[in-house]
Amino acid sequence: MTDTTRWKATVHVRGLAPAVTTATIHDAFIPFGEIVDISLPKNEKPDSTDPHRGFAYVEYEDEEDAKEAIDNMDQSELFGRVIRVSAAKIPKSAKEGLGSKTAVWEQEGWLAENAVSEEDRLAATAPDDPMQGLEGLDVAGPKPQ
């Protein structure tokens, strides 16, 4: 399964109570299809007492199962809290885009989109001849009638 296909078959669940575990999520979401993986990110702050960050990713075997879970579980109640279930977004690459640590003009995608050939650059910077089109004039000033 490709990464894009995997993300299409993954749902994002937010608004989870601290008492929710991966087993709880599995039991709540298994009726909609075969679950491949459940990710419940841990809180990384050292002073936090919460067991997780309040959201989870549920990856299904099939994209249709994920859509079914979204339709049935969005705005439902789990452990006394209303949860929000939506399609997971494909994460942006850490090496591309505005969030990266590489200058945008050094990124391959930006260069391919915005690079200009040396010939085009010289043509754009060459000044137009201000005397162009005046070859036929013999006398300065308005044309005699």
N, C-alpha and C. Protein backbone atom coordinates (compact mmCIF):
# COMPACT_ATOMS: atom_id res chain seq x y z
N MET A 1 0.85 -1.17 0.00
CA MET A 1 0.00 0.00 0.00
C MET A 1 0.90 1.24 0.00
N THR A 2 0.64 2.18 -0.91
CA THR A 2 1.45 3.40 -0.98
C THR A 2 1.09 4.34 0.17
N ASP A 3 1.95 5.31 0.40
CA ASP A 3 1.71 6.26 1.49
C ASP A 3 0.43 7.05 1.27
N THR A 4 0.17 7.48 0.04
CA THR A 4 -1.04 8.25 -0.25
C THR A 4 -2.27 7.40 0.02
N THR A 5 -2.25 6.15 -0.39
CA THR A 5 -3.38 5.25 -0.16
C THR A 5 -3.58 5.01 1.34
N ARG A 6 -2.46 4.88 2.05
CA ARG A 6 -2.56 4.68 3.51
C ARG A 6 -3.22 5.88 4.18
N TRP A 7 -2.84 7.09 3.77
CA TRP A 7 -3.42 8.27 4.41
C TRP A 7 -4.90 8.44 4.05
N LYS A 8 -5.31 7.97 2.87
CA LYS A 8 -6.73 8.04 2.50
C LYS A 8 -7.56 7.06 3.34
N ALA A 9 -6.92 6.01 3.85
CA ALA A 9 -7.61 5.02 4.67
C ALA A 9 -7.42 5.28 6.16
N THR A 10 -6.94 6.47 6.51
CA THR A 10 -6.68 6.82 7.91
C THR A 10 -7.61 7.95 8.35
N VAL A 11 -8.15 7.81 9.57
CA VAL A 11 -9.00 8.86 10.13
C VAL A 11 -8.29 9.49 11.33
N HIS A 12 -8.57 10.77 11.52
CA HIS A 12 -8.03 11.54 12.64
C HIS A 12 -9.16 11.71 13.66
N VAL A 13 -8.92 11.30 14.89
CA VAL A 13 -9.92 11.37 15.95
C VAL A 13 -9.40 12.35 16.99
N ARG A 14 -10.17 13.41 17.27
CA ARG A 14 -9.71 14.40 18.26
C ARG A 14 -10.79 14.63 19.31
N GLY A 15 -10.35 15.18 20.43
CA GLY A 15 -11.27 15.43 21.54
C GLY A 15 -11.36 14.25 22.48
N LEU A 16 -10.32 13.42 22.52
CA LEU A 16 -10.36 12.22 23.36
C LEU A 16 -10.12 12.54 24.83
N ALA A 17 -10.84 11.85 25.68
CA ALA A 17 -10.67 11.99 27.13
C ALA A 17 -9.37 11.30 27.55
N PRO A 18 -8.77 11.72 28.67
CA PRO A 18 -7.52 11.10 29.14
C PRO A 18 -7.66 9.60 29.43
N ALA A 19 -8.86 9.13 29.75
CA ALA A 19 -9.06 7.72 30.08
C ALA A 19 -9.07 6.81 28.86
N VAL A 20 -9.11 7.38 27.66
CA VAL A 20 -9.17 6.58 26.43
C VAL A 20 -7.81 5.92 26.18
N THR A 21 -7.85 4.65 25.79
CA THR A 21 -6.64 3.89 25.46
C THR A 21 -6.76 3.38 24.01
N THR A 22 -5.69 2.79 23.51
CA THR A 22 -5.75 2.22 22.16
C THR A 22 -6.78 1.09 22.10
N ALA A 23 -6.92 0.34 23.17
CA ALA A 23 -7.92 -0.73 23.19
C ALA A 23 -9.34 -0.15 23.10
N THR A 24 -9.58 0.96 23.78
CA THR A 24 -10.89 1.62 23.72
C THR A 24 -11.18 2.09 22.30
N ILE A 25 -10.17 2.71 21.68
CA ILE A 25 -10.35 3.20 20.31
C ILE A 25 -10.60 2.03 19.37
N HIS A 26 -9.85 0.95 19.56
CA HIS A 26 -10.03 -0.23 18.71
C HIS A 26 -11.46 -0.76 18.83
N ASP A 27 -11.95 -0.88 20.06
CA ASP A 27 -13.31 -1.39 20.27
C ASP A 27 -14.37 -0.47 19.67
N ALA A 28 -14.13 0.84 19.70
CA ALA A 28 -15.11 1.79 19.19
C ALA A 28 -15.12 1.84 17.66
N PHE A 29 -13.96 1.60 17.02
CA PHE A 29 -13.86 1.78 15.58
C PHE A 29 -13.84 0.47 14.78
N ILE A 30 -13.75 -0.67 15.42
CA ILE A 30 -13.70 -1.95 14.71
C ILE A 30 -14.99 -2.28 13.95
N PRO A 31 -16.17 -1.81 14.35
CA PRO A 31 -17.37 -2.16 13.59
C PRO A 31 -17.38 -1.66 12.14
N PHE A 32 -16.50 -0.72 11.80
CA PHE A 32 -16.53 -0.12 10.46
C PHE A 32 -15.55 -0.76 9.49
N GLY A 33 -14.71 -1.65 9.97
CA GLY A 33 -13.79 -2.33 9.06
C GLY A 33 -12.55 -2.81 9.78
N GLU A 34 -11.69 -3.51 9.04
CA GLU A 34 -10.46 -4.07 9.58
C GLU A 34 -9.47 -2.95 9.87
N ILE A 35 -9.01 -2.85 11.12
CA ILE A 35 -8.06 -1.81 11.53
C ILE A 35 -6.65 -2.34 11.36
N VAL A 36 -5.82 -1.55 10.69
CA VAL A 36 -4.43 -1.92 10.46
C VAL A 36 -3.55 -1.42 11.61
N ASP A 37 -3.79 -0.16 12.03
CA ASP A 37 -2.94 0.44 13.06
C ASP A 37 -3.70 1.55 13.78
N ILE A 38 -3.36 1.73 15.06
CA ILE A 38 -3.89 2.84 15.86
C ILE A 38 -2.71 3.56 16.47
N SER A 39 -2.67 4.86 16.26
CA SER A 39 -1.59 5.68 16.83
C SER A 39 -2.20 6.68 17.80
N LEU A 40 -1.79 6.61 19.04
CA LEU A 40 -2.26 7.50 20.10
C LEU A 40 -1.03 8.24 20.63
N PRO A 41 -0.66 9.39 20.02
CA PRO A 41 0.59 10.08 20.39
C PRO A 41 0.65 10.45 21.86
N LYS A 42 1.79 10.14 22.46
CA LYS A 42 2.03 10.44 23.87
C LYS A 42 2.38 11.91 24.05
N ASN A 43 2.09 12.43 25.23
CA ASN A 43 2.45 13.79 25.55
C ASN A 43 3.93 13.84 25.88
N GLU A 44 4.69 14.68 25.18
CA GLU A 44 6.14 14.72 25.34
C GLU A 44 6.61 15.71 26.40
N LYS A 45 5.71 16.52 26.94
CA LYS A 45 6.10 17.49 27.96
C LYS A 45 6.43 16.74 29.25
N PRO A 46 7.56 17.04 29.87
CA PRO A 46 7.96 16.31 31.08
C PRO A 46 7.04 16.54 32.28
N ASP A 47 6.41 17.70 32.38
CA ASP A 47 5.56 18.00 33.54
C ASP A 47 4.09 17.62 33.32
N SER A 48 3.77 17.02 32.17
CA SER A 48 2.38 16.67 31.87
C SER A 48 1.99 15.35 32.55
N THR A 49 0.76 15.32 33.03
CA THR A 49 0.24 14.09 33.65
C THR A 49 -0.72 13.36 32.72
N ASP A 50 -1.00 13.96 31.55
CA ASP A 50 -1.91 13.33 30.59
C ASP A 50 -1.22 12.15 29.92
N PRO A 51 -1.93 11.04 29.75
CA PRO A 51 -1.32 9.85 29.12
C PRO A 51 -1.14 10.00 27.61
N HIS A 52 -1.90 10.91 26.98
CA HIS A 52 -1.78 11.13 25.54
C HIS A 52 -2.16 12.57 25.22
N ARG A 53 -2.06 12.94 23.95
CA ARG A 53 -2.26 14.33 23.55
C ARG A 53 -3.71 14.67 23.19
N GLY A 54 -4.63 13.73 23.31
CA GLY A 54 -6.04 14.03 23.08
C GLY A 54 -6.51 13.73 21.66
N PHE A 55 -5.65 13.14 20.84
CA PHE A 55 -6.08 12.76 19.50
C PHE A 55 -5.43 11.44 19.12
N ALA A 56 -5.97 10.82 18.06
CA ALA A 56 -5.45 9.54 17.60
C ALA A 56 -5.63 9.41 16.10
N TYR A 57 -4.87 8.50 15.51
CA TYR A 57 -5.03 8.14 14.10
C TYR A 57 -5.43 6.67 14.05
N VAL A 58 -6.47 6.38 13.28
CA VAL A 58 -6.91 5.00 13.10
C VAL A 58 -6.77 4.69 11.61
N GLU A 59 -5.91 3.71 11.30
CA GLU A 59 -5.69 3.34 9.91
C GLU A 59 -6.47 2.07 9.59
N TYR A 60 -7.29 2.16 8.55
CA TYR A 60 -8.11 1.03 8.11
C TYR A 60 -7.44 0.32 6.92
N GLU A 61 -7.90 -0.88 6.70
CA GLU A 61 -7.43 -1.66 5.55
C GLU A 61 -7.92 -1.05 4.25
N ASP A 62 -9.13 -0.49 4.26
CA ASP A 62 -9.76 0.02 3.05
C ASP A 62 -10.22 1.47 3.26
N GLU A 63 -10.14 2.25 2.19
CA GLU A 63 -10.54 3.66 2.24
C GLU A 63 -12.04 3.81 2.53
N GLU A 64 -12.84 2.90 2.03
CA GLU A 64 -14.29 2.94 2.26
C GLU A 64 -14.62 2.74 3.74
N ASP A 65 -13.83 1.92 4.43
CA ASP A 65 -14.03 1.71 5.87
C ASP A 65 -13.78 3.00 6.63
N ALA A 66 -12.77 3.75 6.21
CA ALA A 66 -12.45 5.02 6.85
C ALA A 66 -13.60 6.02 6.67
N LYS A 67 -14.16 6.06 5.47
CA LYS A 67 -15.29 6.96 5.21
C LYS A 67 -16.50 6.57 6.07
N GLU A 68 -16.71 5.27 6.22
CA GLU A 68 -17.82 4.77 7.03
C GLU A 68 -17.63 5.18 8.51
N ALA A 69 -16.39 5.08 8.99
CA ALA A 69 -16.10 5.48 10.37
C ALA A 69 -16.33 6.97 10.57
N ILE A 70 -15.93 7.78 9.60
CA ILE A 70 -16.15 9.23 9.69
C ILE A 70 -17.64 9.53 9.75
N ASP A 71 -18.40 8.91 8.85
CA ASP A 71 -19.85 9.16 8.80
C ASP A 71 -20.55 8.77 10.10
N ASN A 72 -20.11 7.70 10.71
CA ASN A 72 -20.81 7.19 11.89
C ASN A 72 -20.28 7.71 13.22
N MET A 73 -19.01 8.04 13.30
CA MET A 73 -18.41 8.40 14.60
C MET A 73 -18.21 9.89 14.82
N ASP A 74 -18.25 10.70 13.76
CA ASP A 74 -18.08 12.14 13.95
C ASP A 74 -19.22 12.69 14.79
N GLN A 75 -18.89 13.49 15.79
CA GLN A 75 -19.85 14.10 16.72
C GLN A 75 -20.49 13.07 17.65
N SER A 76 -19.86 11.91 17.79
CA SER A 76 -20.38 10.93 18.75
C SER A 76 -19.71 11.14 20.10
N GLU A 77 -20.21 10.45 21.11
CA GLU A 77 -19.69 10.62 22.47
C GLU A 77 -18.86 9.40 22.86
N LEU A 78 -17.69 9.67 23.45
CA LEU A 78 -16.81 8.61 23.92
C LEU A 78 -16.24 9.05 25.25
N PHE A 79 -16.51 8.31 26.30
CA PHE A 79 -16.08 8.64 27.66
C PHE A 79 -16.52 10.04 28.07
N GLY A 80 -17.75 10.39 27.73
CA GLY A 80 -18.32 11.67 28.17
C GLY A 80 -17.89 12.86 27.36
N ARG A 81 -17.14 12.65 26.30
CA ARG A 81 -16.71 13.77 25.45
C ARG A 81 -17.18 13.55 24.02
N VAL A 82 -17.54 14.65 23.36
CA VAL A 82 -17.91 14.59 21.95
C VAL A 82 -16.62 14.57 21.14
N ILE A 83 -16.46 13.53 20.34
CA ILE A 83 -15.24 13.41 19.55
C ILE A 83 -15.49 13.88 18.12
N ARG A 84 -14.43 14.35 17.48
CA ARG A 84 -14.48 14.77 16.09
C ARG A 84 -13.66 13.77 15.28
N VAL A 85 -14.25 13.24 14.24
CA VAL A 85 -13.57 12.26 13.38
C VAL A 85 -13.56 12.81 11.96
N SER A 86 -12.37 12.90 11.38
CA SER A 86 -12.23 13.42 10.02
C SER A 86 -11.14 12.67 9.29
N ALA A 87 -11.07 12.87 8.00
CA ALA A 87 -10.01 12.23 7.20
C ALA A 87 -8.67 12.82 7.62
N ALA A 88 -7.68 11.96 7.75
CA ALA A 88 -6.34 12.43 8.12
C ALA A 88 -5.72 13.15 6.94
N LYS A 89 -4.98 14.21 7.23
CA LYS A 89 -4.29 14.96 6.17
C LYS A 89 -2.91 14.38 5.98
N ILE A 90 -2.47 14.37 4.74
CA ILE A 90 -1.13 13.89 4.43
C ILE A 90 -0.14 14.89 4.99
N PRO A 91 0.80 14.44 5.82
CA PRO A 91 1.75 15.39 6.41
C PRO A 91 2.68 15.98 5.36
N LYS A 92 3.02 17.25 5.55
CA LYS A 92 3.95 17.90 4.64
C LYS A 92 5.36 17.41 4.93
N SER A 93 6.15 17.39 3.91
CA SER A 93 7.54 16.97 4.06
C SER A 93 8.29 18.01 4.89
N ALA A 94 9.15 17.55 5.78
CA ALA A 94 9.94 18.46 6.60
C ALA A 94 11.03 19.13 5.78
N LYS A 95 11.27 18.61 4.57
CA LYS A 95 12.33 19.17 3.73
C LYS A 95 11.78 20.11 2.67
N GLU A 96 10.47 20.23 2.54
CA GLU A 96 9.85 21.07 1.52
C GLU A 96 8.88 22.04 2.17
N GLY A 97 8.65 23.17 1.54
CA GLY A 97 7.64 24.11 1.97
C GLY A 97 8.14 25.10 3.00
N LEU A 98 7.22 25.87 3.55
CA LEU A 98 7.57 26.96 4.45
C LEU A 98 8.01 26.50 5.83
N GLY A 99 7.66 25.30 6.24
CA GLY A 99 8.04 24.82 7.56
C GLY A 99 9.40 24.15 7.61
N SER A 100 10.09 24.08 6.49
CA SER A 100 11.36 23.36 6.45
C SER A 100 12.51 24.24 6.96
N LYS A 101 13.65 23.61 7.15
CA LYS A 101 14.83 24.33 7.62
C LYS A 101 15.77 24.68 6.47
N THR A 102 15.28 24.49 5.25
CA THR A 102 16.05 24.80 4.05
C THR A 102 15.44 26.03 3.40
N ALA A 103 16.29 26.93 2.91
CA ALA A 103 15.78 28.12 2.24
C ALA A 103 14.92 27.69 1.06
N VAL A 104 13.82 28.39 0.84
CA VAL A 104 12.86 28.00 -0.18
C VAL A 104 13.49 27.96 -1.57
N TRP A 105 14.43 28.84 -1.87
CA TRP A 105 15.04 28.87 -3.20
C TRP A 105 16.07 27.76 -3.39
N GLU A 106 16.40 27.03 -2.33
CA GLU A 106 17.31 25.89 -2.44
C GLU A 106 16.55 24.56 -2.56
N GLN A 107 15.25 24.59 -2.51
CA GLN A 107 14.45 23.38 -2.57
C GLN A 107 14.16 23.03 -4.03
N GLU A 108 14.22 21.75 -4.34
CA GLU A 108 14.03 21.27 -5.71
C GLU A 108 12.68 21.68 -6.29
N GLY A 109 11.63 21.54 -5.49
CA GLY A 109 10.29 21.88 -5.98
C GLY A 109 10.17 23.34 -6.34
N TRP A 110 10.75 24.21 -5.54
CA TRP A 110 10.68 25.64 -5.80
C TRP A 110 11.49 25.98 -7.04
N LEU A 111 12.67 25.38 -7.16
CA LEU A 111 13.51 25.64 -8.33
C LEU A 111 12.84 25.21 -9.62
N ALA A 112 12.23 24.04 -9.61
CA ALA A 112 11.57 23.55 -10.82
C ALA A 112 10.42 24.46 -11.23
N GLU A 113 9.76 25.04 -10.26
CA GLU A 113 8.61 25.89 -10.55
C GLU A 113 9.00 27.32 -10.92
N ASN A 114 10.06 27.84 -10.32
CA ASN A 114 10.39 29.25 -10.47
C ASN A 114 11.69 29.55 -11.20
N ALA A 115 12.43 28.55 -11.59
CA ALA A 115 13.71 28.78 -12.25
C ALA A 115 13.49 29.37 -13.64
N VAL A 116 14.36 30.31 -14.02
CA VAL A 116 14.31 30.96 -15.32
C VAL A 116 15.66 30.72 -15.98
N SER A 117 15.62 30.40 -17.28
CA SER A 117 16.89 30.15 -17.97
C SER A 117 17.69 31.44 -18.09
N GLU A 118 18.99 31.31 -18.30
CA GLU A 118 19.88 32.47 -18.40
C GLU A 118 19.49 33.33 -19.61
N GLU A 119 19.08 32.70 -20.70
CA GLU A 119 18.68 33.43 -21.91
C GLU A 119 17.44 34.30 -21.64
N ASP A 120 16.45 33.73 -20.93
CA ASP A 120 15.25 34.50 -20.60
C ASP A 120 15.57 35.64 -19.65
N ARG A 121 16.48 35.40 -18.72
CA ARG A 121 16.85 36.44 -17.76
C ARG A 121 17.52 37.61 -18.48
N LEU A 122 18.42 37.33 -19.44
CA LEU A 122 19.08 38.40 -20.18
C LEU A 122 18.10 39.17 -21.05
N ALA A 123 17.14 38.48 -21.64
CA ALA A 123 16.14 39.15 -22.47
C ALA A 123 15.26 40.06 -21.62
N ALA A 124 14.98 39.68 -20.40
CA ALA A 124 14.13 40.49 -19.54
C ALA A 124 14.86 41.71 -18.99
N THR A 125 16.18 41.61 -18.83
CA THR A 125 16.92 42.73 -18.26
C THR A 125 17.48 43.68 -19.31
N ALA A 126 17.49 43.28 -20.59
CA ALA A 126 18.00 44.17 -21.64
C ALA A 126 17.03 45.33 -21.82
N PRO A 127 17.54 46.58 -21.72
CA PRO A 127 16.64 47.73 -21.86
C PRO A 127 16.18 47.88 -23.32
N ASP A 128 14.96 48.33 -23.50
CA ASP A 128 14.46 48.61 -24.84
C ASP A 128 15.16 49.85 -25.38
N ASP A 129 15.37 49.90 -26.67
CA ASP A 129 16.02 51.05 -27.31
C ASP A 129 15.04 52.21 -27.36
N PRO A 130 15.32 53.32 -26.67
CA PRO A 130 14.37 54.44 -26.67
C PRO A 130 14.25 55.10 -28.04
N MET A 131 15.20 54.88 -28.93
CA MET A 131 15.16 55.52 -30.25
C MET A 131 14.47 54.64 -31.30
N GLN A 132 14.04 53.47 -30.88
CA GLN A 132 13.40 52.54 -31.81
C GLN A 132 12.11 53.14 -32.34
N GLY A 133 11.91 53.08 -33.66
CA GLY A 133 10.71 53.62 -34.31
C GLY A 133 10.85 55.07 -34.73
N LEU A 134 11.98 55.70 -34.48
CA LEU A 134 12.19 57.10 -34.84
C LEU A 134 13.09 57.25 -36.08
N GLU A 135 13.38 56.15 -36.78
CA GLU A 135 14.31 56.19 -37.89
C GLU A 135 13.84 57.09 -39.03
N GLY A 136 12.57 57.19 -39.28
CA GLY A 136 12.04 57.95 -40.42
C GLY A 136 11.89 59.43 -40.17
N LEU A 137 12.13 59.90 -39.00
CA LEU A 137 11.95 61.32 -38.67
C LEU A 137 13.22 62.10 -39.02
N ASP A 138 13.05 63.18 -39.78
CA ASP A 138 14.20 64.02 -40.13
C ASP A 138 14.27 65.25 -39.24
N VAL A 139 13.10 65.72 -38.79
CA VAL A 139 13.05 66.97 -38.06
C VAL A 139 12.45 66.68 -36.68
N ALA A 140 12.99 67.40 -35.69
CA ALA A 140 12.43 67.27 -34.35
C ALA A 140 11.15 68.07 -34.28
N GLY A 141 10.25 67.66 -33.45
CA GLY A 141 9.01 68.39 -33.25
C GLY A 141 7.86 67.72 -33.96
N PRO A 142 6.70 68.42 -33.98
CA PRO A 142 5.52 67.83 -34.60
C PRO A 142 5.67 67.72 -36.11
N LYS A 143 4.93 66.80 -36.70
CA LYS A 143 4.94 66.62 -38.15
C LYS A 143 4.30 67.82 -38.83
N PRO A 144 4.93 68.28 -39.88
CA PRO A 144 4.28 69.38 -40.62
C PRO A 144 3.07 68.84 -41.38
N GLN A 145 2.04 69.65 -41.49
CA GLN A 145 0.80 69.23 -42.12
C GLN A 145 0.78 69.50 -43.57
